[in-house]
Amino acid sequence: MASRTPPVAPRSASTPVDGGAGRSGTLATAAAPPGTDAAGTDPAGTAPTGAAPGGADRPRRRLSVDERREQLIAVALQLFSLRPPEEVSIDDIAAAAGASRPLVYHYFPGKQALYEESLRRAGQELAGRFEEPAVGPLSERLYRVMGRYLDYVDSHGPGFAALLRGGSVAASPGTNAVIDQVRRAAHDQILLHLAVAEPSAGLRLTVRAWIADAEITSLEWLADRAVPREDLQLRLVQEFIASLTLTAAREPALAVELAGYFAEERPDGPTGRLVRELAGLFAVPGLADTVARLAAPPAG
């Protein structure tokens, strides 16, 4: 049986993209000299100025080209996280960044380009949330992964929903490529945790189907939040364990691996709780007998 604890790269911290914007991810908007943005930079690129004590002008630090670009991306990402992309305009982004409309167009040809770049950064962050050291029981690792995933869903609700539903007018091959990249990253990380030397087509399909289920379930949860988040987190993990078990029932080699996964599980973990719930289900009057009848080989 293959080892189930392969070394994986430690989860890296998300790269800040606020361009010196401070802890909130956006620059505070301050009064600027006429013809300049909040950083004291006019769209023509002239040197910034500011009023020094005593009325004398003194140079004010100007964001570099890279810093300004990163700041615009960070501000746009924040707005796209709060509202669907079709409800965010270039003027909204410029106002939130304390910049002029021409300055935004100086760095990006239009809102679509800025949206796709913002989405690419968000996709990198979301993909990174599936990274988890391969230490401890499988279901507990996945529980931590889904906690970070739902943190992201919760804080990027409208943008996340617009992206996955594909109903946004800003959808394009570029935006579709971003979410496909996230799905591939999630798929690869789950297979790393399973540590199967040669994953079968059936196992890969099980992982992909679970990722799709997590997306659909998250969207439904965002719509009404009728289920407590902790319950949803546990349910998603248990659904994966159940799907993995069904796949193992059809694949003898995976069944051997499954025995190893279960041997590491704890009674108070997601898998242990699932087993107890199923055992309780079979205690329902008549159900155990029915299951035994269905499990019997067909006559003849």
Protein backbone atom coordinates (compact mmCIF):
# COMPACT_ATOMS: atom_id res chain seq x y z
CA MET A 1 0.00 0.00 0.00
CA ALA A 2 1.34 3.39 -0.94
CA SER A 3 2.33 5.78 1.80
CA ARG A 4 -0.40 8.28 2.64
CA THR A 5 1.84 11.03 3.93
CA PRO A 6 3.82 12.37 0.95
CA PRO A 7 5.69 15.60 1.50
CA VAL A 8 3.84 18.61 0.18
CA ALA A 9 4.97 22.17 0.03
CA PRO A 10 3.90 24.21 3.05
CA ARG A 11 0.96 26.43 2.37
CA SER A 12 2.27 29.80 1.45
CA ALA A 13 0.75 32.98 2.67
CA SER A 14 -1.25 34.93 0.15
CA THR A 15 0.82 37.51 -1.59
CA PRO A 16 -0.35 40.98 -0.62
CA VAL A 17 -1.51 42.99 -3.57
CA ASP A 18 -2.40 46.23 -1.92
CA GLY A 19 0.60 48.12 -3.32
CA GLY A 20 1.31 49.76 -0.02
CA ALA A 21 -2.36 50.26 0.59
CA GLY A 22 -2.26 49.41 4.26
CA ARG A 23 -4.00 46.68 6.20
CA SER A 24 -7.41 47.19 4.62
CA GLY A 25 -6.19 46.52 1.07
CA THR A 26 -7.10 49.99 -0.20
CA LEU A 27 -5.53 53.36 0.14
CA ALA A 28 -7.25 55.92 2.28
CA THR A 29 -8.67 58.67 0.14
CA ALA A 30 -7.22 62.01 1.08
CA ALA A 31 -7.74 65.47 -0.35
CA ALA A 32 -5.44 65.91 -3.34
CA PRO A 33 -4.15 69.01 -5.14
CA PRO A 34 -6.22 70.01 -8.17
CA GLY A 35 -5.49 67.83 -11.19
CA THR A 36 -3.96 65.01 -9.19
CA ASP A 37 -5.12 61.73 -7.66
CA ALA A 38 -5.01 60.95 -3.94
CA ALA A 39 -1.34 59.99 -4.15
CA GLY A 40 -0.57 63.43 -5.57
CA THR A 41 0.06 62.01 -9.02
CA ASP A 42 -1.68 63.51 -12.00
CA PRO A 43 -2.55 61.31 -14.99
CA ALA A 44 0.20 62.92 -17.03
CA GLY A 45 2.77 61.56 -14.60
CA THR A 46 4.11 64.82 -13.20
CA ALA A 47 5.85 64.76 -9.84
CA PRO A 48 3.54 64.77 -6.80
CA THR A 49 3.35 67.70 -4.46
CA GLY A 50 1.98 68.28 -0.99
CA ALA A 51 1.65 71.12 1.44
CA ALA A 52 4.40 71.10 4.07
CA PRO A 53 4.05 72.86 7.44
CA GLY A 54 4.33 76.62 6.99
CA GLY A 55 2.71 76.55 3.56
CA ALA A 56 5.79 75.44 1.60
CA ASP A 57 5.29 72.68 -0.93
CA ARG A 58 7.35 69.53 -0.47
CA PRO A 59 7.56 66.37 -2.56
CA ARG A 60 5.07 63.65 -1.66
CA ARG A 61 5.95 60.03 -2.28
CA ARG A 62 4.56 58.83 -5.58
CA LEU A 63 3.60 55.20 -6.11
CA SER A 64 5.79 53.42 -8.61
CA VAL A 65 4.23 52.01 -11.75
CA ASP A 66 4.11 48.53 -10.22
CA GLU A 67 2.73 49.80 -6.91
CA ARG A 68 -0.04 51.76 -8.59
CA ARG A 69 -1.00 48.80 -10.75
CA GLU A 70 -1.10 46.51 -7.71
CA GLN A 71 -3.19 49.05 -5.82
CA LEU A 72 -5.77 49.23 -8.62
CA ILE A 73 -5.97 45.41 -8.73
CA ALA A 74 -6.45 45.20 -4.96
CA VAL A 75 -9.20 47.85 -4.97
CA ALA A 76 -10.95 46.24 -7.94
CA LEU A 77 -10.80 42.83 -6.29
CA GLN A 78 -12.38 44.22 -3.15
CA LEU A 79 -15.22 45.78 -5.14
CA PHE A 80 -15.76 42.64 -7.25
CA SER A 81 -15.93 40.66 -4.01
CA LEU A 82 -18.74 42.85 -2.72
CA ARG A 83 -20.79 43.17 -5.92
CA PRO A 84 -21.20 41.24 -9.19
CA PRO A 85 -18.77 42.56 -11.83
CA GLU A 86 -21.50 44.04 -14.01
CA GLU A 87 -22.42 46.34 -11.11
CA VAL A 88 -18.88 47.74 -10.79
CA SER A 89 -17.73 50.51 -13.12
CA ILE A 90 -14.34 52.00 -13.90
CA ASP A 91 -15.54 55.15 -12.11
CA ASP A 92 -16.25 53.06 -8.99
CA ILE A 93 -12.74 51.61 -9.09
CA ALA A 94 -11.15 55.01 -9.66
CA ALA A 95 -13.08 56.57 -6.79
CA ALA A 96 -12.23 53.74 -4.39
CA ALA A 97 -8.54 53.99 -5.33
CA GLY A 98 -8.49 57.77 -5.07
CA ALA A 99 -7.41 57.89 -8.71
CA SER A 100 -8.72 59.49 -11.86
CA ARG A 101 -10.58 57.60 -14.57
CA PRO A 102 -7.82 58.33 -17.15
CA LEU A 103 -5.23 56.95 -14.72
CA VAL A 104 -7.09 53.62 -14.49
CA TYR A 105 -7.19 53.44 -18.30
CA HIS A 106 -3.47 54.23 -18.35
CA TYR A 107 -2.84 50.87 -16.62
CA PHE A 108 -5.69 48.77 -18.02
CA PRO A 109 -7.45 49.00 -21.40
CA GLY A 110 -10.86 48.52 -19.77
CA LYS A 111 -12.85 46.98 -16.96
CA GLN A 112 -12.72 43.50 -18.48
CA ALA A 113 -8.92 43.41 -18.36
CA LEU A 114 -8.90 44.66 -14.78
CA TYR A 115 -11.60 42.13 -13.82
CA GLU A 116 -9.69 39.22 -15.34
CA GLU A 117 -6.46 40.21 -13.59
CA SER A 118 -8.27 40.63 -10.27
CA LEU A 119 -9.92 37.27 -10.76
CA ARG A 120 -6.59 35.63 -11.52
CA ARG A 121 -5.23 36.89 -8.19
CA ALA A 122 -8.35 35.70 -6.38
CA GLY A 123 -8.05 32.31 -8.09
CA GLN A 124 -4.48 31.95 -6.86
CA GLU A 125 -5.63 32.66 -3.32
CA LEU A 126 -8.53 30.22 -3.51
CA ALA A 127 -6.35 27.46 -4.99
CA GLY A 128 -3.85 27.97 -2.19
CA ARG A 129 -6.53 27.25 0.39
CA PHE A 130 -6.61 23.61 -0.71
CA GLU A 131 -3.00 23.14 0.37
CA GLU A 132 -2.65 21.29 3.65
CA PRO A 133 0.25 19.30 5.16
CA ALA A 134 -0.38 15.56 4.83
CA VAL A 135 -0.37 15.00 8.59
CA GLY A 136 -3.12 13.33 10.61
CA PRO A 137 -6.34 11.57 9.59
CA LEU A 138 -7.56 12.23 6.06
CA SER A 139 -10.99 13.54 7.04
CA GLU A 140 -9.53 16.01 9.55
CA ARG A 141 -7.17 17.41 6.91
CA LEU A 142 -10.09 17.86 4.53
CA TYR A 143 -12.11 19.49 7.30
CA ARG A 144 -9.43 22.16 7.69
CA VAL A 145 -9.27 22.63 3.92
CA MET A 146 -13.03 23.13 3.68
CA GLY A 147 -12.90 25.60 6.55
CA ARG A 148 -10.54 27.81 4.56
CA TYR A 149 -12.59 27.30 1.40
CA LEU A 150 -15.77 28.43 3.13
CA ASP A 151 -13.92 31.39 4.66
CA TYR A 152 -13.21 32.50 1.11
CA VAL A 153 -16.77 31.86 -0.10
CA ASP A 154 -18.14 33.82 2.85
CA SER A 155 -15.94 36.86 2.28
CA HIS A 156 -16.25 36.95 -1.54
CA GLY A 157 -19.93 36.02 -1.80
CA PRO A 158 -21.31 38.04 -4.74
CA GLY A 159 -18.15 37.76 -6.83
CA PHE A 160 -17.83 34.04 -6.10
CA ALA A 161 -21.46 33.44 -7.05
CA ALA A 162 -21.25 35.46 -10.27
CA LEU A 163 -18.12 33.61 -11.33
CA LEU A 164 -19.34 30.06 -10.69
CA ARG A 165 -22.85 30.59 -12.04
CA GLY A 166 -21.40 31.88 -15.31
CA GLY A 167 -24.18 34.41 -15.51
CA SER A 168 -21.99 37.48 -15.36
CA VAL A 169 -21.74 39.70 -18.40
CA ALA A 170 -18.02 39.82 -17.58
CA ALA A 171 -17.61 36.08 -18.16
CA SER A 172 -15.02 35.29 -20.84
CA PRO A 173 -12.52 32.59 -21.81
CA GLY A 174 -10.10 34.31 -19.44
CA THR A 175 -12.43 34.12 -16.44
CA ASN A 176 -13.38 30.53 -17.26
CA ALA A 177 -9.69 29.61 -17.37
CA VAL A 178 -9.26 30.98 -13.84
CA ILE A 179 -11.95 28.81 -12.28
CA ASP A 180 -10.71 25.79 -14.24
CA GLN A 181 -7.28 26.40 -12.76
CA VAL A 182 -8.77 26.45 -9.25
CA ARG A 183 -10.59 23.18 -9.92
CA ARG A 184 -7.40 21.53 -11.18
CA ALA A 185 -5.49 22.71 -8.13
CA ALA A 186 -8.18 21.32 -5.81
CA HIS A 187 -8.23 18.02 -7.72
CA ASP A 188 -4.44 17.65 -7.54
CA GLN A 189 -4.29 18.50 -3.83
CA ILE A 190 -6.96 15.94 -2.93
CA LEU A 191 -5.11 13.26 -4.88
CA LEU A 192 -1.92 14.16 -3.01
CA HIS A 193 -3.72 13.50 0.26
CA LEU A 194 -5.00 10.16 -1.00
CA ALA A 195 -1.43 9.23 -1.99
CA VAL A 196 -2.51 6.62 -4.53
CA ALA A 197 0.40 5.82 -6.83
CA GLU A 198 -1.74 5.54 -9.97
CA PRO A 199 -5.22 7.04 -9.43
CA SER A 200 -7.84 5.27 -11.51
CA ALA A 201 -10.25 7.04 -13.81
CA GLY A 202 -13.01 6.22 -11.33
CA LEU A 203 -11.14 7.84 -8.44
CA ARG A 204 -10.39 10.97 -10.46
CA LEU A 205 -14.05 11.20 -11.42
CA THR A 206 -15.04 10.88 -7.75
CA VAL A 207 -12.75 13.76 -6.80
CA ARG A 208 -13.98 15.99 -9.63
CA ALA A 209 -17.62 15.25 -8.82
CA TRP A 210 -17.04 16.16 -5.17
CA ILE A 211 -15.40 19.47 -6.13
CA ALA A 212 -18.44 20.28 -8.29
CA ASP A 213 -20.71 19.32 -5.40
CA ALA A 214 -18.79 21.64 -3.07
CA GLU A 215 -19.24 24.52 -5.51
CA ILE A 216 -22.98 23.95 -5.98
CA THR A 217 -23.57 23.47 -2.26
CA SER A 218 -21.61 26.63 -1.44
CA LEU A 219 -23.70 28.65 -3.88
CA GLU A 220 -26.92 27.36 -2.34
CA TRP A 221 -25.61 28.15 1.13
CA LEU A 222 -24.76 31.72 0.10
CA ALA A 223 -28.33 32.23 -1.06
CA ASP A 224 -30.00 31.58 2.30
CA ARG A 225 -27.41 30.33 4.85
CA ALA A 226 -30.10 28.04 6.22
CA VAL A 227 -27.47 25.56 7.43
CA PRO A 228 -24.89 26.61 10.05
CA ARG A 229 -21.48 26.96 8.45
CA GLU A 230 -19.86 24.37 10.72
CA ASP A 231 -22.54 21.84 9.72
CA LEU A 232 -21.92 22.55 6.04
CA GLN A 233 -18.18 22.15 6.51
CA LEU A 234 -18.67 18.75 8.16
CA ARG A 235 -21.25 17.65 5.60
CA LEU A 236 -18.96 18.37 2.64
CA VAL A 237 -16.15 16.31 4.15
CA GLN A 238 -18.45 13.42 5.02
CA GLU A 239 -19.89 13.43 1.50
CA PHE A 240 -16.37 13.00 0.14
CA ILE A 241 -15.67 10.10 2.51
CA ALA A 242 -18.96 8.46 1.50
CA SER A 243 -18.17 8.88 -2.21
CA LEU A 244 -14.65 7.56 -1.70
CA THR A 245 -16.05 4.51 0.11
CA LEU A 246 -18.48 3.78 -2.73
CA THR A 247 -15.66 4.03 -5.26
CA ALA A 248 -13.52 1.68 -3.15
CA ALA A 249 -16.36 -0.85 -3.12
CA ARG A 250 -15.90 -1.10 -6.89
CA GLU A 251 -12.09 -1.01 -6.94
CA PRO A 252 -10.26 -3.62 -4.85
CA ALA A 253 -6.94 -1.76 -4.91
CA LEU A 254 -8.57 1.39 -3.57
CA ALA A 255 -10.36 -0.68 -0.91
CA VAL A 256 -6.96 -1.61 0.51
CA GLU A 257 -6.03 2.06 0.65
CA LEU A 258 -9.38 2.88 2.26
CA ALA A 259 -8.63 0.46 5.08
CA GLY A 260 -5.45 2.41 5.75
CA TYR A 261 -7.27 5.75 5.73
CA PHE A 262 -9.87 4.49 8.18
CA ALA A 263 -7.22 3.00 10.49
CA GLU A 264 -5.88 6.51 11.10
CA GLU A 265 -9.29 8.05 11.79
CA ARG A 266 -10.51 8.97 15.28
CA PRO A 267 -13.99 8.38 16.75
CA ASP A 268 -14.59 12.13 17.17
CA GLY A 269 -13.44 13.01 13.65
CA PRO A 270 -15.65 13.48 10.57
CA THR A 271 -15.31 9.84 9.48
CA GLY A 272 -16.00 8.48 12.98
CA ARG A 273 -19.11 10.61 13.25
CA LEU A 274 -20.27 9.45 9.82
CA VAL A 275 -19.88 5.79 10.78
CA ARG A 276 -21.92 6.32 13.96
CA GLU A 277 -24.66 8.08 12.01
CA LEU A 278 -24.85 5.21 9.51
CA ALA A 279 -24.90 2.66 12.32
CA GLY A 280 -27.79 4.56 13.89
CA LEU A 281 -29.58 4.55 10.55
CA PHE A 282 -29.42 0.77 10.34
CA ALA A 283 -31.05 0.59 13.77
CA VAL A 284 -34.28 1.94 12.27
CA PRO A 285 -36.87 -0.87 12.55
CA GLY A 286 -36.98 -2.93 9.41
CA LEU A 287 -34.13 -1.14 7.64
CA ALA A 288 -31.37 -3.58 8.63
CA ASP A 289 -33.43 -6.54 7.41
CA THR A 290 -34.15 -4.77 4.14
CA VAL A 291 -30.49 -3.96 3.62
CA ALA A 292 -29.55 -7.57 4.33
CA ARG A 293 -32.10 -8.76 1.78
CA LEU A 294 -30.75 -6.35 -0.86
CA ALA A 295 -27.18 -7.43 -0.11
CA ALA A 296 -27.94 -11.10 -0.73
CA PRO A 297 -26.71 -12.46 -4.11
CA PRO A 298 -29.47 -12.70 -6.72
CA ALA A 299 -31.03 -16.12 -7.01
CA GLY A 300 -29.88 -18.22 -9.91
